[in-house]
Amino acid sequence: APTAVALWMNTKGRRARVWLPIVALSVA
């Protein structure tokens, strides 16, 4: 949880490229 929040705050401008794989694997 805190790592994901920090990652969200540090990936402005490239969130889709970063978060799409993370969300896909997490949902699976």
PDB file of all heavy atoms in Angstrom:
ATOM      1  N   ALA A   1       0.817  -1.219   0.000  1.00  0.00           N
ATOM      2  CA  ALA A   1       0.000   0.000   0.000  1.00  0.00           C
ATOM      3  C   ALA A   1       0.853   1.273   0.000  1.00  0.00           C
ATOM      4  O   ALA A   1       0.688   2.118  -0.890  1.00  0.00           O
ATOM      5  CB  ALA A   1      -0.979  -0.013   1.171  1.00  0.00           C
ATOM      6  N   PRO A   2       1.771   1.455   0.956  1.00  0.00           N
ATOM      7  CA  PRO A   2       2.557   2.691   0.908  1.00  0.00           C
ATOM      8  C   PRO A   2       3.495   2.761  -0.296  1.00  0.00           C
ATOM      9  O   PRO A   2       3.746   3.847  -0.830  1.00  0.00           O
ATOM     10  CB  PRO A   2       3.340   2.688   2.224  1.00  0.00           C
ATOM     11  CG  PRO A   2       3.278   1.315   2.744  1.00  0.00           C
ATOM     12  CD  PRO A   2       2.072   0.665   2.157  1.00  0.00           C
ATOM     13  N   THR A   3       3.990   1.606  -0.736  1.00  0.00           N
ATOM     14  CA  THR A   3       4.864   1.607  -1.909  1.00  0.00           C
ATOM     15  C   THR A   3       4.082   1.996  -3.155  1.00  0.00           C
ATOM     16  O   THR A   3       4.584   2.743  -4.004  1.00  0.00           O
ATOM     17  CB  THR A   3       5.528   0.231  -2.089  1.00  0.00           C
ATOM     18  OG1 THR A   3       6.147  -0.140  -0.859  1.00  0.00           O
ATOM     19  CG2 THR A   3       6.566   0.256  -3.174  1.00  0.00           C
ATOM     20  N   ALA A   4       2.858   1.508  -3.277  1.00  0.00           N
ATOM     21  CA  ALA A   4       2.027   1.864  -4.427  1.00  0.00           C
ATOM     22  C   ALA A   4       1.679   3.351  -4.414  1.00  0.00           C
ATOM     23  O   ALA A   4       1.687   4.007  -5.460  1.00  0.00           O
ATOM     24  CB  ALA A   4       0.759   1.020  -4.440  1.00  0.00           C
ATOM     25  N   VAL A   5       1.397   3.898  -3.236  1.00  0.00           N
ATOM     26  CA  VAL A   5       1.110   5.339  -3.141  1.00  0.00           C
ATOM     27  C   VAL A   5       2.344   6.140  -3.559  1.00  0.00           C
ATOM     28  O   VAL A   5       2.249   7.101  -4.331  1.00  0.00           O
ATOM     29  CB  VAL A   5       0.658   5.707  -1.712  1.00  0.00           C
ATOM     30  CG1 VAL A   5       0.616   7.211  -1.519  1.00  0.00           C
ATOM     31  CG2 VAL A   5      -0.708   5.099  -1.419  1.00  0.00           C
ATOM     32  N   ALA A   6       3.503   5.750  -3.066  1.00  0.00           N
ATOM     33  CA  ALA A   6       4.735   6.455  -3.439  1.00  0.00           C
ATOM     34  C   ALA A   6       5.008   6.315  -4.933  1.00  0.00           C
ATOM     35  O   ALA A   6       5.436   7.276  -5.587  1.00  0.00           O
ATOM     36  CB  ALA A   6       5.914   5.913  -2.630  1.00  0.00           C
ATOM     37  N   LEU A   7       4.735   5.137  -5.487  1.00  0.00           N
ATOM     38  CA  LEU A   7       4.936   4.934  -6.921  1.00  0.00           C
ATOM     39  C   LEU A   7       3.982   5.808  -7.731  1.00  0.00           C
ATOM     40  O   LEU A   7       4.370   6.399  -8.733  1.00  0.00           O
ATOM     41  CB  LEU A   7       4.748   3.460  -7.278  1.00  0.00           C
ATOM     42  CG  LEU A   7       5.081   3.068  -8.707  1.00  0.00           C
ATOM     43  CD1 LEU A   7       6.553   3.299  -8.978  1.00  0.00           C
ATOM     44  CD2 LEU A   7       4.709   1.615  -8.947  1.00  0.00           C
ATOM     45  N   TRP A   8       2.745   5.914  -7.289  1.00  0.00           N
ATOM     46  CA  TRP A   8       1.770   6.774  -7.969  1.00  0.00           C
ATOM     47  C   TRP A   8       2.259   8.222  -7.988  1.00  0.00           C
ATOM     48  O   TRP A   8       2.181   8.910  -8.997  1.00  0.00           O
ATOM     49  CB  TRP A   8       0.420   6.675  -7.276  1.00  0.00           C
ATOM     50  CG  TRP A   8      -0.635   7.518  -7.896  1.00  0.00           C
ATOM     51  CD1 TRP A   8      -1.009   8.781  -7.524  1.00  0.00           C
ATOM     52  CD2 TRP A   8      -1.433   7.190  -9.029  1.00  0.00           C
ATOM     53  NE1 TRP A   8      -2.009   9.240  -8.343  1.00  0.00           N
ATOM     54  CE2 TRP A   8      -2.290   8.287  -9.279  1.00  0.00           C
ATOM     55  CE3 TRP A   8      -1.519   6.079  -9.853  1.00  0.00           C
ATOM     56  CZ2 TRP A   8      -3.207   8.296 -10.315  1.00  0.00           C
ATOM     57  CZ3 TRP A   8      -2.437   6.086 -10.878  1.00  0.00           C
ATOM     58  CH2 TRP A   8      -3.261   7.181 -11.102  1.00  0.00           C
ATOM     59  N   MET A   9       2.803   8.672  -6.864  1.00  0.00           N
ATOM     60  CA  MET A   9       3.262  10.051  -6.775  1.00  0.00           C
ATOM     61  C   MET A   9       4.520  10.291  -7.610  1.00  0.00           C
ATOM     62  O   MET A   9       4.755  11.411  -8.057  1.00  0.00           O
ATOM     63  CB  MET A   9       3.517  10.414  -5.304  1.00  0.00           C
ATOM     64  CG  MET A   9       2.234  10.464  -4.509  1.00  0.00           C
ATOM     65  SD  MET A   9       2.376  10.608  -2.715  1.00  0.00           S
ATOM     66  CE  MET A   9       3.817  11.528  -2.431  1.00  0.00           C
ATOM     67  N   ASN A  10       5.309   9.251  -7.864  1.00  0.00           N
ATOM     68  CA  ASN A  10       6.570   9.405  -8.595  1.00  0.00           C
ATOM     69  C   ASN A  10       6.470   9.090 -10.083  1.00  0.00           C
ATOM     70  O   ASN A  10       7.493   9.093 -10.765  1.00  0.00           O
ATOM     71  CB  ASN A  10       7.647   8.504  -7.975  1.00  0.00           C
ATOM     72  CG  ASN A  10       8.165   9.048  -6.675  1.00  0.00           C
ATOM     73  OD1 ASN A  10       8.402  10.241  -6.550  1.00  0.00           O
ATOM     74  ND2 ASN A  10       8.330   8.186  -5.710  1.00  0.00           N
ATOM     75  N   THR A  11       5.272   8.809 -10.584  1.00  0.00           N
ATOM     76  CA  THR A  11       5.168   8.422 -11.998  1.00  0.00           C
ATOM     77  C   THR A  11       4.264   9.357 -12.785  1.00  0.00           C
ATOM     78  O   THR A  11       3.607   8.930 -13.729  1.00  0.00           O
ATOM     79  CB  THR A  11       4.637   6.978 -12.127  1.00  0.00           C
ATOM     80  OG1 THR A  11       3.385   6.872 -11.443  1.00  0.00           O
ATOM     81  CG2 THR A  11       5.630   5.985 -11.596  1.00  0.00           C
ATOM     82  N   LYS A  12       4.236  10.616 -12.442  1.00  0.00           N
ATOM     83  CA  LYS A  12       3.431  11.571 -13.199  1.00  0.00           C
ATOM     84  C   LYS A  12       3.909  11.614 -14.646  1.00  0.00           C
ATOM     85  O   LYS A  12       5.095  11.658 -14.921  1.00  0.00           O
ATOM     86  CB  LYS A  12       3.528  12.951 -12.564  1.00  0.00           C
ATOM     87  CG  LYS A  12       2.861  13.001 -11.216  1.00  0.00           C
ATOM     88  CD  LYS A  12       2.959  14.376 -10.603  1.00  0.00           C
ATOM     89  CE  LYS A  12       2.201  14.360  -9.305  1.00  0.00           C
ATOM     90  NZ  LYS A  12       2.891  14.845  -8.194  1.00  0.00           N
ATOM     91  N   GLY A  13       2.961  11.607 -15.577  1.00  0.00           N
ATOM     92  CA  GLY A  13       3.296  11.674 -16.980  1.00  0.00           C
ATOM     93  C   GLY A  13       3.540  10.325 -17.638  1.00  0.00           C
ATOM     94  O   GLY A  13       3.585  10.232 -18.850  1.00  0.00           O
ATOM     95  N   ARG A  14       3.697   9.284 -16.863  1.00  0.00           N
ATOM     96  CA  ARG A  14       3.897   7.949 -17.441  1.00  0.00           C
ATOM     97  C   ARG A  14       3.113   6.897 -16.671  1.00  0.00           C
ATOM     98  O   ARG A  14       3.468   5.725 -16.626  1.00  0.00           O
ATOM     99  CB  ARG A  14       5.377   7.592 -17.478  1.00  0.00           C
ATOM    100  CG  ARG A  14       6.068   7.708 -16.162  1.00  0.00           C
ATOM    101  CD  ARG A  14       7.571   7.650 -16.296  1.00  0.00           C
ATOM    102  NE  ARG A  14       8.139   7.815 -14.974  1.00  0.00           N
ATOM    103  CZ  ARG A  14       8.953   6.954 -14.415  1.00  0.00           C
ATOM    104  NH1 ARG A  14       9.323   5.894 -15.044  1.00  0.00           N
ATOM    105  NH2 ARG A  14       9.419   7.177 -13.211  1.00  0.00           N
ATOM    106  N   ARG A  15       2.011   7.318 -16.079  1.00  0.00           N
ATOM    107  CA  ARG A  15       1.241   6.409 -15.231  1.00  0.00           C
ATOM    108  C   ARG A  15       0.646   5.243 -15.993  1.00  0.00           C
ATOM    109  O   ARG A  15       0.628   4.119 -15.490  1.00  0.00           O
ATOM    110  CB  ARG A  15       0.145   7.184 -14.502  1.00  0.00           C
ATOM    111  CG  ARG A  15       0.702   8.017 -13.395  1.00  0.00           C
ATOM    112  CD  ARG A  15      -0.370   8.541 -12.485  1.00  0.00           C
ATOM    113  NE  ARG A  15       0.259   9.260 -11.395  1.00  0.00           N
ATOM    114  CZ  ARG A  15      -0.187  10.404 -10.911  1.00  0.00           C
ATOM    115  NH1 ARG A  15      -1.270  10.947 -11.401  1.00  0.00           N
ATOM    116  NH2 ARG A  15       0.453  10.989  -9.926  1.00  0.00           N
ATOM    117  N   ALA A  16       0.133   5.456 -17.182  1.00  0.00           N
ATOM    118  CA  ALA A  16      -0.492   4.357 -17.929  1.00  0.00           C
ATOM    119  C   ALA A  16       0.526   3.256 -18.219  1.00  0.00           C
ATOM    120  O   ALA A  16       0.247   2.074 -18.033  1.00  0.00           O
ATOM    121  CB  ALA A  16      -1.105   4.872 -19.221  1.00  0.00           C
ATOM    122  N   ARG A  17       1.705   3.644 -18.650  1.00  0.00           N
ATOM    123  CA  ARG A  17       2.743   2.661 -18.983  1.00  0.00           C
ATOM    124  C   ARG A  17       3.194   1.899 -17.741  1.00  0.00           C
ATOM    125  O   ARG A  17       3.523   0.722 -17.812  1.00  0.00           O
ATOM    126  CB  ARG A  17       3.919   3.377 -19.629  1.00  0.00           C
ATOM    127  CG  ARG A  17       4.971   2.447 -20.152  1.00  0.00           C
ATOM    128  CD  ARG A  17       6.060   3.181 -20.845  1.00  0.00           C
ATOM    129  NE  ARG A  17       6.430   4.374 -20.083  1.00  0.00           N
ATOM    130  CZ  ARG A  17       7.405   5.186 -20.400  1.00  0.00           C
ATOM    131  NH1 ARG A  17       8.100   4.963 -21.478  1.00  0.00           N
ATOM    132  NH2 ARG A  17       7.703   6.226 -19.667  1.00  0.00           N
ATOM    133  N   VAL A  18       3.200   2.564 -16.599  1.00  0.00           N
ATOM    134  CA  VAL A  18       3.630   1.915 -15.367  1.00  0.00           C
ATOM    135  C   VAL A  18       2.503   1.097 -14.759  1.00  0.00           C
ATOM    136  O   VAL A  18       2.691  -0.056 -14.358  1.00  0.00           O
ATOM    137  CB  VAL A  18       4.145   2.967 -14.350  1.00  0.00           C
ATOM    138  CG1 VAL A  18       4.368   2.348 -12.982  1.00  0.00           C
ATOM    139  CG2 VAL A  18       5.416   3.615 -14.855  1.00  0.00           C
ATOM    140  N   TRP A  19       1.318   1.662 -14.685  1.00  0.00           N
ATOM    141  CA  TRP A  19       0.254   1.029 -13.919  1.00  0.00           C
ATOM    142  C   TRP A  19      -0.520  -0.051 -14.658  1.00  0.00           C
ATOM    143  O   TRP A  19      -1.117  -0.922 -14.022  1.00  0.00           O
ATOM    144  CB  TRP A  19      -0.689   2.095 -13.364  1.00  0.00           C
ATOM    145  CG  TRP A  19      -0.048   2.752 -12.189  1.00  0.00           C
ATOM    146  CD1 TRP A  19       0.671   3.893 -12.178  1.00  0.00           C
ATOM    147  CD2 TRP A  19      -0.006   2.235 -10.868  1.00  0.00           C
ATOM    148  NE1 TRP A  19       1.165   4.130 -10.927  1.00  0.00           N
ATOM    149  CE2 TRP A  19       0.744   3.130 -10.100  1.00  0.00           C
ATOM    150  CE3 TRP A  19      -0.526   1.105 -10.249  1.00  0.00           C
ATOM    151  CZ2 TRP A  19       0.988   2.939  -8.750  1.00  0.00           C
ATOM    152  CZ3 TRP A  19      -0.292   0.916  -8.899  1.00  0.00           C
ATOM    153  CH2 TRP A  19       0.456   1.825  -8.170  1.00  0.00           C
ATOM    154  N   LEU A  20      -0.530  -0.046 -15.972  1.00  0.00           N
ATOM    155  CA  LEU A  20      -1.263  -1.074 -16.703  1.00  0.00           C
ATOM    156  C   LEU A  20      -0.741  -2.486 -16.382  1.00  0.00           C
ATOM    157  O   LEU A  20      -1.530  -3.373 -16.028  1.00  0.00           O
ATOM    158  CB  LEU A  20      -1.225  -0.790 -18.204  1.00  0.00           C
ATOM    159  CG  LEU A  20      -2.072  -1.714 -19.064  1.00  0.00           C
ATOM    160  CD1 LEU A  20      -3.544  -1.611 -18.684  1.00  0.00           C
ATOM    161  CD2 LEU A  20      -1.883  -1.379 -20.526  1.00  0.00           C
ATOM    162  N   PRO A  21       0.559  -2.747 -16.443  1.00  0.00           N
ATOM    163  CA  PRO A  21       1.037  -4.089 -16.076  1.00  0.00           C
ATOM    164  C   PRO A  21       0.797  -4.428 -14.603  1.00  0.00           C
ATOM    165  O   PRO A  21       0.461  -5.567 -14.268  1.00  0.00           O
ATOM    166  CB  PRO A  21       2.535  -4.050 -16.374  1.00  0.00           C
ATOM    167  CG  PRO A  21       2.753  -2.880 -17.241  1.00  0.00           C
ATOM    168  CD  PRO A  21       1.651  -1.924 -16.970  1.00  0.00           C
ATOM    169  N   ILE A  22       0.961  -3.448 -13.737  1.00  0.00           N
ATOM    170  CA  ILE A  22       0.768  -3.702 -12.303  1.00  0.00           C
ATOM    171  C   ILE A  22      -0.674  -4.076 -12.024  1.00  0.00           C
ATOM    172  O   ILE A  22      -0.961  -5.053 -11.322  1.00  0.00           O
ATOM    173  CB  ILE A  22       1.195  -2.466 -11.475  1.00  0.00           C
ATOM    174  CG1 ILE A  22       2.702  -2.246 -11.607  1.00  0.00           C
ATOM    175  CG2 ILE A  22       0.796  -2.637 -10.017  1.00  0.00           C
ATOM    176  CD1 ILE A  22       3.191  -0.932 -11.029  1.00  0.00           C
ATOM    177  N   VAL A  23      -1.603  -3.324 -12.587  1.00  0.00           N
ATOM    178  CA  VAL A  23      -3.022  -3.613 -12.378  1.00  0.00           C
ATOM    179  C   VAL A  23      -3.400  -4.951 -13.012  1.00  0.00           C
ATOM    180  O   VAL A  23      -4.132  -5.745 -12.417  1.00  0.00           O
ATOM    181  CB  VAL A  23      -3.899  -2.454 -12.912  1.00  0.00           C
ATOM    182  CG1 VAL A  23      -5.367  -2.836 -12.938  1.00  0.00           C
ATOM    183  CG2 VAL A  23      -3.683  -1.204 -12.073  1.00  0.00           C
ATOM    184  N   ALA A  24      -2.885  -5.230 -14.200  1.00  0.00           N
ATOM    185  CA  ALA A  24      -3.207  -6.495 -14.877  1.00  0.00           C
ATOM    186  C   ALA A  24      -2.756  -7.698 -14.043  1.00  0.00           C
ATOM    187  O   ALA A  24      -3.530  -8.644 -13.829  1.00  0.00           O
ATOM    188  CB  ALA A  24      -2.561  -6.531 -16.255  1.00  0.00           C
ATOM    189  N   LEU A  25      -1.516  -7.668 -13.556  1.00  0.00           N
ATOM    190  CA  LEU A  25      -1.027  -8.781 -12.743  1.00  0.00           C
ATOM    191  C   LEU A  25      -1.759  -8.855 -11.408  1.00  0.00           C
ATOM    192  O   LEU A  25      -2.054  -9.953 -10.920  1.00  0.00           O
ATOM    193  CB  LEU A  25       0.476  -8.653 -12.511  1.00  0.00           C
ATOM    194  CG  LEU A  25       1.358  -9.076 -13.668  1.00  0.00           C
ATOM    195  CD1 LEU A  25       2.822  -8.782 -13.369  1.00  0.00           C
ATOM    196  CD2 LEU A  25       1.189 -10.547 -13.974  1.00  0.00           C
ATOM    197  N   SER A  26      -2.059  -7.715 -10.814  1.00  0.00           N
ATOM    198  CA  SER A  26      -2.769  -7.710  -9.533  1.00  0.00           C
ATOM    199  C   SER A  26      -4.170  -8.292  -9.674  1.00  0.00           C
ATOM    200  O   SER A  26      -4.606  -9.090  -8.836  1.00  0.00           O
ATOM    201  CB  SER A  26      -2.841  -6.295  -8.968  1.00  0.00           C
ATOM    202  OG  SER A  26      -1.550  -5.809  -8.701  1.00  0.00           O
ATOM    203  N   VAL A  27      -4.873  -7.909 -10.724  1.00  0.00           N
ATOM    204  CA  VAL A  27      -6.221  -8.442 -10.944  1.00  0.00           C
ATOM    205  C   VAL A  27      -6.160  -9.953 -11.178  1.00  0.00           C
ATOM    206  O   VAL A  27      -6.971 -10.711 -10.638  1.00  0.00           O
ATOM    207  CB  VAL A  27      -6.909  -7.708 -12.114  1.00  0.00           C
ATOM    208  CG1 VAL A  27      -8.157  -8.435 -12.579  1.00  0.00           C
ATOM    209  CG2 VAL A  27      -7.245  -6.286 -11.710  1.00  0.00           C
ATOM    210  N   ALA A  28      -5.186 -10.401 -11.976  1.00  0.00           N
ATOM    211  CA  ALA A  28      -5.037 -11.839 -12.215  1.00  0.00           C
ATOM    212  C   ALA A  28      -4.727 -12.578 -10.906  1.00  0.00           C
ATOM    213  O   ALA A  28      -5.284 -13.651 -10.644  1.00  0.00           O
ATOM    214  CB  ALA A  28      -3.944 -12.094 -13.246  1.00  0.00           C
TER     215      ALA A  28
END
